[in-house]
PDB file of N, CA and C in Angstrom:
ATOM      1  N   MET A   1     -33.965 -15.429 -29.058  1.00  0.00           N
ATOM      2  CA  MET A   1     -33.995 -14.140 -28.293  1.00  0.00           C
ATOM      3  C   MET A   1     -32.649 -13.295 -29.664  1.00  0.00           C
ATOM      4  N   ASP A   2     -33.543 -12.519 -29.308  1.00  0.00           N
ATOM      5  CA  ASP A   2     -32.042 -11.512 -30.585  1.00  0.00           C
ATOM      6  C   ASP A   2     -32.330 -10.012 -30.000  1.00  0.00           C
ATOM      7  N   GLN A   3     -31.988 -10.281 -28.590  1.00  0.00           N
ATOM      8  CA  GLN A   3     -32.673  -9.460 -27.606  1.00  0.00           C
ATOM      9  C   GLN A   3     -30.814  -8.804 -27.473  1.00  0.00           C
ATOM     10  N   GLN A   4     -30.504  -7.236 -28.110  1.00  0.00           N
ATOM     11  CA  GLN A   4     -29.503  -6.365 -27.748  1.00  0.00           C
ATOM     12  C   GLN A   4     -29.517  -5.759 -25.721  1.00  0.00           C
ATOM     13  N   LEU A   5     -28.100  -6.316 -25.447  1.00  0.00           N
ATOM     14  CA  LEU A   5     -27.541  -5.964 -24.440  1.00  0.00           C
ATOM     15  C   LEU A   5     -27.068  -4.414 -25.043  1.00  0.00           C
ATOM     16  N   SER A   6     -27.803  -4.016 -23.625  1.00  0.00           N
ATOM     17  CA  SER A   6     -27.408  -2.501 -23.671  1.00  0.00           C
ATOM     18  C   SER A   6     -26.218  -2.404 -22.953  1.00  0.00           C
ATOM     19  N   PRO A   7     -25.248  -0.678 -23.866  1.00  0.00           N
ATOM     20  CA  PRO A   7     -23.966  -0.605 -22.364  1.00  0.00           C
ATOM     21  C   PRO A   7     -23.805  -0.557 -21.046  1.00  0.00           C
ATOM     22  N   THR A   8     -23.082  -0.483 -19.848  1.00  0.00           N
ATOM     23  CA  THR A   8     -23.474  -0.320 -18.709  1.00  0.00           C
ATOM     24  C   THR A   8     -24.028   1.159 -19.020  1.00  0.00           C
ATOM     25  N   PRO A   9     -24.450   1.315 -17.421  1.00  0.00           N
ATOM     26  CA  PRO A   9     -24.080   3.504 -17.491  1.00  0.00           C
ATOM     27  C   PRO A   9     -22.961   3.788 -17.222  1.00  0.00           C
ATOM     28  N   ASP A  10     -21.288   3.214 -17.131  1.00  0.00           N
ATOM     29  CA  ASP A  10     -20.166   2.783 -16.903  1.00  0.00           C
ATOM     30  C   ASP A  10     -19.531   1.896 -17.382  1.00  0.00           C
ATOM     31  N   SER A  11     -19.508   2.164 -18.550  1.00  0.00           N
ATOM     32  CA  SER A  11     -18.473   1.355 -19.526  1.00  0.00           C
ATOM     33  C   SER A  11     -17.708   1.835 -19.544  1.00  0.00           C
ATOM     34  N   ARG A  12     -16.583   1.802 -18.653  1.00  0.00           N
ATOM     35  CA  ARG A  12     -15.096   2.039 -18.617  1.00  0.00           C
ATOM     36  C   ARG A  12     -14.493   1.077 -18.073  1.00  0.00           C
ATOM     37  N   SER A  13     -13.224   0.903 -18.503  1.00  0.00           N
ATOM     38  CA  SER A  13     -12.216  -0.296 -17.819  1.00  0.00           C
ATOM     39  C   SER A  13     -12.063  -0.296 -16.450  1.00  0.00           C
ATOM     40  N   THR A  14     -11.642  -0.525 -16.139  1.00  0.00           N
ATOM     41  CA  THR A  14     -11.270  -1.128 -14.332  1.00  0.00           C
ATOM     42  C   THR A  14     -10.139   0.466 -14.303  1.00  0.00           C
ATOM     43  N   GLU A  15      -9.201   0.856 -14.518  1.00  0.00           N
ATOM     44  CA  GLU A  15      -8.131   0.823 -15.360  1.00  0.00           C
ATOM     45  C   GLU A  15      -8.436   2.154 -15.193  1.00  0.00           C
ATOM     46  N   GLN A  16      -9.567   2.106 -16.005  1.00  0.00           N
ATOM     47  CA  GLN A  16      -9.706   3.784 -15.612  1.00  0.00           C
ATOM     48  C   GLN A  16      -9.986   4.522 -14.880  1.00  0.00           C
ATOM     49  N   LEU A  17     -10.702   3.206 -14.002  1.00  0.00           N
ATOM     50  CA  LEU A  17     -11.714   4.078 -13.291  1.00  0.00           C
ATOM     51  C   LEU A  17     -11.111   4.435 -12.140  1.00  0.00           C
ATOM     52  N   HIS A  18      -9.891   2.928 -12.017  1.00  0.00           N
ATOM     53  CA  HIS A  18      -8.790   3.155 -10.849  1.00  0.00           C
ATOM     54  C   HIS A  18      -8.045   4.005 -10.889  1.00  0.00           C
ATOM     55  N   GLN A  19      -7.541   4.783 -11.980  1.00  0.00           N
ATOM     56  CA  GLN A  19      -6.676   6.258 -12.059  1.00  0.00           C
ATOM     57  C   GLN A  19      -7.158   6.268 -11.287  1.00  0.00           C
ATOM     58  N   GLU A  20      -8.645   7.081 -11.935  1.00  0.00           N
ATOM     59  CA  GLU A  20      -9.822   7.652 -11.772  1.00  0.00           C
ATOM     60  C   GLU A  20     -10.294   8.681 -10.304  1.00  0.00           C
ATOM     61  N   SER A  21      -9.957   7.765  -8.878  1.00  0.00           N
ATOM     62  CA  SER A  21     -10.433   7.214  -8.282  1.00  0.00           C
ATOM     63  C   SER A  21      -9.333   7.407  -7.517  1.00  0.00           C
ATOM     64  N   ALA A  22      -8.792   8.184  -6.044  1.00  0.00           N
ATOM     65  CA  ALA A  22      -7.815   7.981  -5.187  1.00  0.00           C
ATOM     66  C   ALA A  22      -8.051   6.597  -4.205  1.00  0.00           C
ATOM     67  N   GLU A  23      -9.640   6.977  -4.086  1.00  0.00           N
ATOM     68  CA  GLU A  23      -9.373   5.519  -3.344  1.00  0.00           C
ATOM     69  C   GLU A  23      -9.374   4.431  -3.379  1.00  0.00           C
ATOM     70  N   PRO A  24      -9.142   2.717  -2.633  1.00  0.00           N
ATOM     71  CA  PRO A  24      -8.939   1.723  -3.061  1.00  0.00           C
ATOM     72  C   PRO A  24     -10.025   0.706  -3.501  1.00  0.00           C
ATOM     73  N   LEU A  25      -9.534   0.128  -4.070  1.00  0.00           N
ATOM     74  CA  LEU A  25     -10.418  -1.251  -4.537  1.00  0.00           C
ATOM     75  C   LEU A  25     -10.956  -1.876  -3.203  1.00  0.00           C
ATOM     76  N   ARG A  26     -11.947  -1.982  -2.874  1.00  0.00           N
ATOM     77  CA  ARG A  26     -13.623  -2.741  -2.338  1.00  0.00           C
ATOM     78  C   ARG A  26     -12.217  -3.030  -1.079  1.00  0.00           C
ATOM     79  N   GLY A  27     -11.748  -1.774   0.210  1.00  0.00           N
ATOM     80  CA  GLY A  27     -11.075  -2.144   1.246  1.00  0.00           C
ATOM     81  C   GLY A  27      -9.614  -2.260   1.610  1.00  0.00           C
ATOM     82  N   ARG A  28      -9.152  -2.159   0.936  1.00  0.00           N
ATOM     83  CA  ARG A  28      -8.151  -3.158   0.778  1.00  0.00           C
ATOM     84  C   ARG A  28      -6.659  -2.108   1.476  1.00  0.00           C
ATOM     85  N   LYS A  29      -6.174  -2.295   2.426  1.00  0.00           N
ATOM     86  CA  LYS A  29      -5.842  -1.439   3.624  1.00  0.00           C
ATOM     87  C   LYS A  29      -4.865  -1.432   3.356  1.00  0.00           C
ATOM     88  N   ILE A  30      -3.865   0.454   3.177  1.00  0.00           N
ATOM     89  CA  ILE A  30      -3.152   1.453   3.526  1.00  0.00           C
ATOM     90  C   ILE A  30      -3.093   0.941   4.657  1.00  0.00           C
ATOM     91  N   ARG A  31      -1.422   1.380   3.995  1.00  0.00           N
ATOM     92  CA  ARG A  31      -0.262   1.905   5.210  1.00  0.00           C
ATOM     93  C   ARG A  31       1.245   3.018   4.900  1.00  0.00           C
ATOM     94  N   GLN A  32       1.214   3.999   5.675  1.00  0.00           N
ATOM     95  CA  GLN A  32       1.860   4.480   5.488  1.00  0.00           C
ATOM     96  C   GLN A  32       3.499   4.492   6.002  1.00  0.00           C
ATOM     97  N   GLY A  33       4.414   4.049   5.904  1.00  0.00           N
ATOM     98  CA  GLY A  33       5.580   4.665   6.416  1.00  0.00           C
ATOM     99  C   GLY A  33       6.417   4.793   6.003  1.00  0.00           C
ATOM    100  N   VAL A  34       7.726   4.538   7.065  1.00  0.00           N
ATOM    101  CA  VAL A  34       9.101   4.881   5.717  1.00  0.00           C
ATOM    102  C   VAL A  34       9.776   3.626   6.213  1.00  0.00           C
ATOM    103  N   VAL A  35      11.097   4.084   4.337  1.00  0.00           N
ATOM    104  CA  VAL A  35      11.900   2.559   3.930  1.00  0.00           C
ATOM    105  C   VAL A  35      12.981   2.533   4.540  1.00  0.00           C
ATOM    106  N   VAL A  36      12.850   1.298   5.661  1.00  0.00           N
ATOM    107  CA  VAL A  36      13.876   0.859   6.352  1.00  0.00           C
ATOM    108  C   VAL A  36      15.327  -0.080   5.515  1.00  0.00           C
ATOM    109  N   SER A  37      14.899  -0.663   4.302  1.00  0.00           N
ATOM    110  CA  SER A  37      15.650  -1.264   3.461  1.00  0.00           C
ATOM    111  C   SER A  37      15.600  -1.659   2.458  1.00  0.00           C
ATOM    112  N   ASN A  38      16.159  -1.328   0.598  1.00  0.00           N
ATOM    113  CA  ASN A  38      15.421  -2.187  -0.332  1.00  0.00           C
ATOM    114  C   ASN A  38      16.666  -3.088  -0.518  1.00  0.00           C
ATOM    115  N   LYS A  39      17.694  -3.487   0.170  1.00  0.00           N
ATOM    116  CA  LYS A  39      18.145  -4.583  -0.790  1.00  0.00           C
ATOM    117  C   LYS A  39      18.460  -5.258  -1.263  1.00  0.00           C
ATOM    118  N   MET A  40      16.600  -5.741  -1.141  1.00  0.00           N
ATOM    119  CA  MET A  40      16.275  -7.747  -1.608  1.00  0.00           C
ATOM    120  C   MET A  40      16.310  -6.818  -3.568  1.00  0.00           C
ATOM    121  N   ASP A  41      15.870  -7.691  -4.035  1.00  0.00           N
ATOM    122  CA  ASP A  41      15.402  -7.265  -5.341  1.00  0.00           C
ATOM    123  C   ASP A  41      14.349  -7.362  -5.192  1.00  0.00           C
ATOM    124  N   LYS A  42      13.395  -5.978  -6.272  1.00  0.00           N
ATOM    125  CA  LYS A  42      11.425  -5.897  -6.529  1.00  0.00           C
ATOM    126  C   LYS A  42      10.940  -5.818  -4.530  1.00  0.00           C
ATOM    127  N   THR A  43      12.312  -5.537  -3.986  1.00  0.00           N
ATOM    128  CA  THR A  43      11.608  -5.740  -2.154  1.00  0.00           C
ATOM    129  C   THR A  43      11.697  -5.190  -0.957  1.00  0.00           C
ATOM    130  N   ILE A  44      10.925  -4.069  -0.601  1.00  0.00           N
ATOM    131  CA  ILE A  44      11.507  -3.231   0.382  1.00  0.00           C
ATOM    132  C   ILE A  44      11.027  -3.689   1.682  1.00  0.00           C
ATOM    133  N   VAL A  45      11.466  -3.181   2.704  1.00  0.00           N
ATOM    134  CA  VAL A  45      11.285  -3.459   4.210  1.00  0.00           C
ATOM    135  C   VAL A  45      10.383  -1.758   4.681  1.00  0.00           C
ATOM    136  N   VAL A  46       8.501  -2.236   5.290  1.00  0.00           N
ATOM    137  CA  VAL A  46       8.848   0.045   4.896  1.00  0.00           C
ATOM    138  C   VAL A  46       8.438  -0.589   6.081  1.00  0.00           C
ATOM    139  N   ALA A  47       8.920   0.693   7.220  1.00  0.00           N
ATOM    140  CA  ALA A  47       8.347   1.077   9.229  1.00  0.00           C
ATOM    141  C   ALA A  47       7.418   1.779   8.896  1.00  0.00           C
ATOM    142  N   VAL A  48       6.117   1.194  10.063  1.00  0.00           N
ATOM    143  CA  VAL A  48       4.878   1.457  10.215  1.00  0.00           C
ATOM    144  C   VAL A  48       4.973   2.326  11.419  1.00  0.00           C
ATOM    145  N   GLU A  49       4.989   3.322  11.829  1.00  0.00           N
ATOM    146  CA  GLU A  49       4.502   3.671  13.289  1.00  0.00           C
ATOM    147  C   GLU A  49       3.197   4.089  13.813  1.00  0.00           C
ATOM    148  N   ARG A  50       2.837   3.337  14.745  1.00  0.00           N
ATOM    149  CA  ARG A  50       1.545   3.808  15.436  1.00  0.00           C
ATOM    150  C   ARG A  50       1.424   4.092  16.402  1.00  0.00           C
ATOM    151  N   GLN A  51       0.574   4.858  16.983  1.00  0.00           N
ATOM    152  CA  GLN A  51       0.330   5.351  18.879  1.00  0.00           C
ATOM    153  C   GLN A  51      -0.742   4.411  19.421  1.00  0.00           C
ATOM    154  N   VAL A  52      -0.192   3.615  20.698  1.00  0.00           N
ATOM    155  CA  VAL A  52      -0.941   3.135  20.948  1.00  0.00           C
ATOM    156  C   VAL A  52      -1.339   3.131  22.517  1.00  0.00           C
ATOM    157  N   MET A  53      -2.486   3.661  23.126  1.00  0.00           N
ATOM    158  CA  MET A  53      -2.998   4.132  24.434  1.00  0.00           C
ATOM    159  C   MET A  53      -2.229   2.936  25.899  1.00  0.00           C
ATOM    160  N   HIS A  54      -1.949   3.242  26.014  1.00  0.00           N
ATOM    161  CA  HIS A  54      -1.152   2.525  27.788  1.00  0.00           C
ATOM    162  C   HIS A  54      -2.469   1.898  28.459  1.00  0.00           C
ATOM    163  N   PRO A  55      -3.323   0.727  28.543  1.00  0.00           N
ATOM    164  CA  PRO A  55      -3.928   0.062  29.359  1.00  0.00           C
ATOM    165  C   PRO A  55      -4.541   1.127  31.030  1.00  0.00           C
ATOM    166  N   LEU A  56      -3.844   1.132  31.543  1.00  0.00           N
ATOM    167  CA  LEU A  56      -3.438   1.354  32.375  1.00  0.00           C
ATOM    168  C   LEU A  56      -3.425   3.187  32.567  1.00  0.00           C
ATOM    169  N   TYR A  57      -2.255   3.493  32.527  1.00  0.00           N
ATOM    170  CA  TYR A  57      -2.081   4.898  32.939  1.00  0.00           C
ATOM    171  C   TYR A  57      -2.258   5.664  32.278  1.00  0.00           C
ATOM    172  N   LYS A  58      -3.109   5.086  30.961  1.00  0.00           N
ATOM    173  CA  LYS A  58      -3.885   6.090  29.979  1.00  0.00           C
ATOM    174  C   LYS A  58      -2.744   6.960  28.939  1.00  0.00           C
ATOM    175  N   ARG A  59      -1.741   6.795  29.139  1.00  0.00           N
ATOM    176  CA  ARG A  59      -0.545   7.678  27.886  1.00  0.00           C
ATOM    177  C   ARG A  59      -0.112   6.414  26.147  1.00  0.00           C
ATOM    178  N   TYR A  60      -0.288   7.008  25.625  1.00  0.00           N
ATOM    179  CA  TYR A  60       0.030   7.142  24.031  1.00  0.00           C
ATOM    180  C   TYR A  60       1.123   6.471  24.107  1.00  0.00           C
ATOM    181  N   TYR A  61       1.897   5.460  23.704  1.00  0.00           N
ATOM    182  CA  TYR A  61       3.558   4.771  23.200  1.00  0.00           C
ATOM    183  C   TYR A  61       3.436   4.533  21.564  1.00  0.00           C
ATOM    184  N   LYS A  62       4.626   5.208  21.406  1.00  0.00           N
ATOM    185  CA  LYS A  62       4.721   4.429  19.952  1.00  0.00           C
ATOM    186  C   LYS A  62       5.310   3.008  19.323  1.00  0.00           C
ATOM    187  N   ARG A  63       4.203   2.577  18.644  1.00  0.00           N
ATOM    188  CA  ARG A  63       4.554   1.186  18.340  1.00  0.00           C
ATOM    189  C   ARG A  63       5.423   0.887  17.571  1.00  0.00           C
ATOM    190  N   THR A  64       5.703   0.615  16.447  1.00  0.00           N
ATOM    191  CA  THR A  64       6.205  -0.179  15.326  1.00  0.00           C
ATOM    192  C   THR A  64       6.409  -1.093  14.505  1.00  0.00           C
ATOM    193  N   LYS A  65       6.228  -1.422  13.850  1.00  0.00           N
ATOM    194  CA  LYS A  65       5.991  -2.816  12.402  1.00  0.00           C
ATOM    195  C   LYS A  65       6.606  -2.994  11.242  1.00  0.00           C
ATOM    196  N   LYS A  66       7.499  -3.418  10.880  1.00  0.00           N
ATOM    197  CA  LYS A  66       7.614  -3.678  10.197  1.00  0.00           C
ATOM    198  C   LYS A  66       6.942  -4.871   8.800  1.00  0.00           C
ATOM    199  N   TYR A  67       6.702  -3.801   7.425  1.00  0.00           N
ATOM    200  CA  TYR A  67       5.840  -4.966   6.609  1.00  0.00           C
ATOM    201  C   TYR A  67       6.662  -4.553   5.353  1.00  0.00           C
ATOM    202  N   MET A  68       7.601  -6.092   4.876  1.00  0.00           N
ATOM    203  CA  MET A  68       7.559  -6.007   3.471  1.00  0.00           C
ATOM    204  C   MET A  68       6.416  -6.436   2.562  1.00  0.00           C
ATOM    205  N   ALA A  69       6.688  -5.021   1.576  1.00  0.00           N
ATOM    206  CA  ALA A  69       6.246  -4.998  -0.087  1.00  0.00           C
ATOM    207  C   ALA A  69       6.887  -5.421  -0.873  1.00  0.00           C
ATOM    208  N   HIS A  70       6.599  -5.615  -1.877  1.00  0.00           N
ATOM    209  CA  HIS A  70       6.842  -5.129  -3.644  1.00  0.00           C
ATOM    210  C   HIS A  70       6.920  -4.110  -4.234  1.00  0.00           C
ATOM    211  N   ASP A  71       8.099  -4.266  -4.767  1.00  0.00           N
ATOM    212  CA  ASP A  71       8.759  -2.563  -5.343  1.00  0.00           C
ATOM    213  C   ASP A  71       9.248  -3.017  -6.946  1.00  0.00           C
ATOM    214  N   GLU A  72       7.952  -3.207  -8.115  1.00  0.00           N
ATOM    215  CA  GLU A  72       8.334  -3.391  -9.212  1.00  0.00           C
ATOM    216  C   GLU A  72       9.425  -2.985 -10.008  1.00  0.00           C
ATOM    217  N   ARG A  73       9.835  -1.452  -9.686  1.00  0.00           N
ATOM    218  CA  ARG A  73      10.561  -1.709 -10.166  1.00  0.00           C
ATOM    219  C   ARG A  73      11.703  -0.656  -9.882  1.00  0.00           C
ATOM    220  N   ASN A  74      12.695  -1.399  -7.956  1.00  0.00           N
ATOM    221  CA  ASN A  74      13.414  -1.170  -7.759  1.00  0.00           C
ATOM    222  C   ASN A  74      13.735   0.933  -7.518  1.00  0.00           C
ATOM    223  N   GLU A  75      12.860   1.529  -6.997  1.00  0.00           N
ATOM    224  CA  GLU A  75      12.831   2.909  -7.218  1.00  0.00           C
ATOM    225  C   GLU A  75      12.644   3.205  -5.731  1.00  0.00           C
ATOM    226  N   CYS A  76      12.409   2.641  -5.453  1.00  0.00           N
ATOM    227  CA  CYS A  76      12.091   3.148  -3.777  1.00  0.00           C
ATOM    228  C   CYS A  76      14.313   3.619  -2.762  1.00  0.00           C
ATOM    229  N   ALA A  77      14.263   4.372  -2.023  1.00  0.00           N
ATOM    230  CA  ALA A  77      16.147   4.538  -1.885  1.00  0.00           C
ATOM    231  C   ALA A  77      14.994   4.494  -0.286  1.00  0.00           C
ATOM    232  N   ILE A  78      16.244   4.832   0.894  1.00  0.00           N
ATOM    233  CA  ILE A  78      16.095   3.968   2.268  1.00  0.00           C
ATOM    234  C   ILE A  78      16.230   5.361   2.844  1.00  0.00           C
ATOM    235  N   GLY A  79      14.454   5.731   4.158  1.00  0.00           N
ATOM    236  CA  GLY A  79      14.262   7.085   4.236  1.00  0.00           C
ATOM    237  C   GLY A  79      12.904   7.790   3.511  1.00  0.00           C
ATOM    238  N   ASP A  80      12.235   7.513   2.463  1.00  0.00           N
ATOM    239  CA  ASP A  80      11.449   7.362   1.475  1.00  0.00           C
ATOM    240  C   ASP A  80       9.963   7.630   2.121  1.00  0.00           C
ATOM    241  N   VAL A  81       9.364   7.897   1.981  1.00  0.00           N
ATOM    242  CA  VAL A  81       7.946   8.022   2.900  1.00  0.00           C
ATOM    243  C   VAL A  81       7.788   7.552   1.858  1.00  0.00           C
ATOM    244  N   VAL A  82       6.241   6.721   2.330  1.00  0.00           N
ATOM    245  CA  VAL A  82       5.920   6.215   1.037  1.00  0.00           C
ATOM    246  C   VAL A  82       4.050   5.529   1.472  1.00  0.00           C
ATOM    247  N   ARG A  83       3.428   4.643   1.202  1.00  0.00           N
ATOM    248  CA  ARG A  83       2.247   4.549   0.706  1.00  0.00           C
ATOM    249  C   ARG A  83       2.320   2.694   0.177  1.00  0.00           C
ATOM    250  N   ILE A  84       1.569   1.402   1.333  1.00  0.00           N
ATOM    251  CA  ILE A  84       2.011   0.357   0.725  1.00  0.00           C
ATOM    252  C   ILE A  84       0.491   0.424   0.743  1.00  0.00           C
ATOM    253  N   ILE A  85      -0.854  -1.065  -0.476  1.00  0.00           N
ATOM    254  CA  ILE A  85      -1.713  -0.931   0.414  1.00  0.00           C
ATOM    255  C   ILE A  85      -1.320  -2.913   0.436  1.00  0.00           C
ATOM    256  N   GLU A  86      -2.356  -3.941   0.498  1.00  0.00           N
ATOM    257  CA  GLU A  86      -2.723  -4.641   0.965  1.00  0.00           C
ATOM    258  C   GLU A  86      -2.607  -5.749  -1.055  1.00  0.00           C
ATOM    259  N   SER A  87      -2.434  -6.388  -0.251  1.00  0.00           N
ATOM    260  CA  SER A  87      -2.354  -7.390  -1.772  1.00  0.00           C
ATOM    261  C   SER A  87      -2.648  -8.846  -1.102  1.00  0.00           C
ATOM    262  N   ARG A  88      -2.854  -9.800  -2.540  1.00  0.00           N
ATOM    263  CA  ARG A  88      -2.531 -11.206  -2.049  1.00  0.00           C
ATOM    264  C   ARG A  88      -1.307 -11.826  -1.910  1.00  0.00           C
ATOM    265  N   PRO A  89      -0.938 -12.841  -1.070  1.00  0.00           N
ATOM    266  CA  PRO A  89       0.030 -13.266  -0.393  1.00  0.00           C
ATOM    267  C   PRO A  89       1.853 -13.479  -1.453  1.00  0.00           C
ATOM    268  N   LEU A  90       2.806 -12.310  -2.290  1.00  0.00           N
ATOM    269  CA  LEU A  90       3.093 -13.070  -3.077  1.00  0.00           C
ATOM    270  C   LEU A  90       4.518 -13.481  -2.993  1.00  0.00           C
ATOM    271  N   SER A  91       4.931 -13.812  -1.939  1.00  0.00           N
ATOM    272  CA  SER A  91       6.347 -14.877  -1.465  1.00  0.00           C
ATOM    273  C   SER A  91       5.181 -15.238   0.102  1.00  0.00           C
ATOM    274  N   ARG A  92       6.879 -15.635   1.304  1.00  0.00           N
ATOM    275  CA  ARG A  92       6.444 -15.625   2.619  1.00  0.00           C
ATOM    276  C   ARG A  92       5.505 -15.107   3.564  1.00  0.00           C
ATOM    277  N   ARG A  93       6.439 -13.372   3.039  1.00  0.00           N
ATOM    278  CA  ARG A  93       6.423 -12.898   3.823  1.00  0.00           C
ATOM    279  C   ARG A  93       6.103 -11.971   3.271  1.00  0.00           C
ATOM    280  N   LYS A  94       5.955 -11.253   2.184  1.00  0.00           N
ATOM    281  CA  LYS A  94       5.809 -10.270   1.577  1.00  0.00           C
ATOM    282  C   LYS A  94       4.078 -10.288   1.407  1.00  0.00           C
ATOM    283  N   ARG A  95       3.123  -9.848   1.262  1.00  0.00           N
ATOM    284  CA  ARG A  95       1.323  -9.263   1.014  1.00  0.00           C
ATOM    285  C   ARG A  95       1.645  -7.842   1.194  1.00  0.00           C
ATOM    286  N   TRP A  96       2.404  -7.123   0.790  1.00  0.00           N
ATOM    287  CA  TRP A  96       1.908  -6.155   0.411  1.00  0.00           C
ATOM    288  C   TRP A  96       3.103  -4.751  -0.717  1.00  0.00           C
ATOM    289  N   MET A  97       2.039  -4.527  -1.151  1.00  0.00           N
ATOM    290  CA  MET A  97       2.313  -3.330  -2.559  1.00  0.00           C
ATOM    291  C   MET A  97       2.808  -2.128  -2.373  1.00  0.00           C
ATOM    292  N   LEU A  98       4.401  -1.172  -3.111  1.00  0.00           N
ATOM    293  CA  LEU A  98       3.863   0.174  -3.239  1.00  0.00           C
ATOM    294  C   LEU A  98       3.406   0.404  -3.684  1.00  0.00           C
ATOM    295  N   LEU A  99       2.097   1.073  -3.134  1.00  0.00           N
ATOM    296  CA  LEU A  99       1.406   2.574  -4.024  1.00  0.00           C
ATOM    297  C   LEU A  99       2.050   4.163  -4.770  1.00  0.00           C
ATOM    298  N   GLU A 100       2.129   3.850  -4.067  1.00  0.00           N
ATOM    299  CA  GLU A 100       3.658   5.218  -4.841  1.00  0.00           C
ATOM    300  C   GLU A 100       4.650   6.068  -3.266  1.00  0.00           C
ATOM    301  N   ILE A 101       4.868   7.048  -3.952  1.00  0.00           N
ATOM    302  CA  ILE A 101       6.304   7.025  -2.323  1.00  0.00           C
ATOM    303  C   ILE A 101       5.283   8.826  -2.667  1.00  0.00           C
ATOM    304  N   VAL A 102       5.295   8.690  -1.276  1.00  0.00           N
ATOM    305  CA  VAL A 102       4.999  10.699  -1.131  1.00  0.00           C
ATOM    306  C   VAL A 102       5.855  10.850  -0.193  1.00  0.00           C
ATOM    307  N   GLN A 103       7.714  11.289  -1.048  1.00  0.00           N
ATOM    308  CA  GLN A 103       8.693  12.093   0.071  1.00  0.00           C
ATOM    309  C   GLN A 103       9.755  11.138  -0.651  1.00  0.00           C
ATOM    310  N   ARG A 104       9.933  11.795  -0.881  1.00  0.00           N
ATOM    311  CA  ARG A 104      11.706  11.478  -1.384  1.00  0.00           C
ATOM    312  C   ARG A 104      12.357  11.753  -0.459  1.00  0.00           C
ATOM    313  N   ALA A 105      14.034  10.357   0.213  1.00  0.00           N
ATOM    314  CA  ALA A 105      14.245  11.073   1.055  1.00  0.00           C
ATOM    315  C   ALA A 105      15.825  12.297   0.250  1.00  0.00           C
ATOM    316  N   ARG A 106      16.152  12.895   1.737  1.00  0.00           N
ATOM    317  CA  ARG A 106      16.836  13.957   1.085  1.00  0.00           C
ATOM    318  C   ARG A 106      18.733  13.397   0.840  1.00  0.00           C
TER     319      ARG A 106
END
């Protein structure tokens, strides 16, 4: 069996592909919110706001949920608008990672 394996048509590494495309890897959820706490080491708390329609009155109201996210370089400040991406469980409450800082706080 002296067959040579031909390279795949797309022989770039996964890191190169991830850098080139803005799409997340295979349907991982992305949320955008505001940093409300950065007092922990390598962890931020992000408040994500969404609008929900009231079932009876058919009026939209705001719901806020807080996510703990991993910030490897401790670069976020309170008030920053950030994007977080779903990841494997990193601790008891931390299942998200910082993807990017959209807007810095003033």
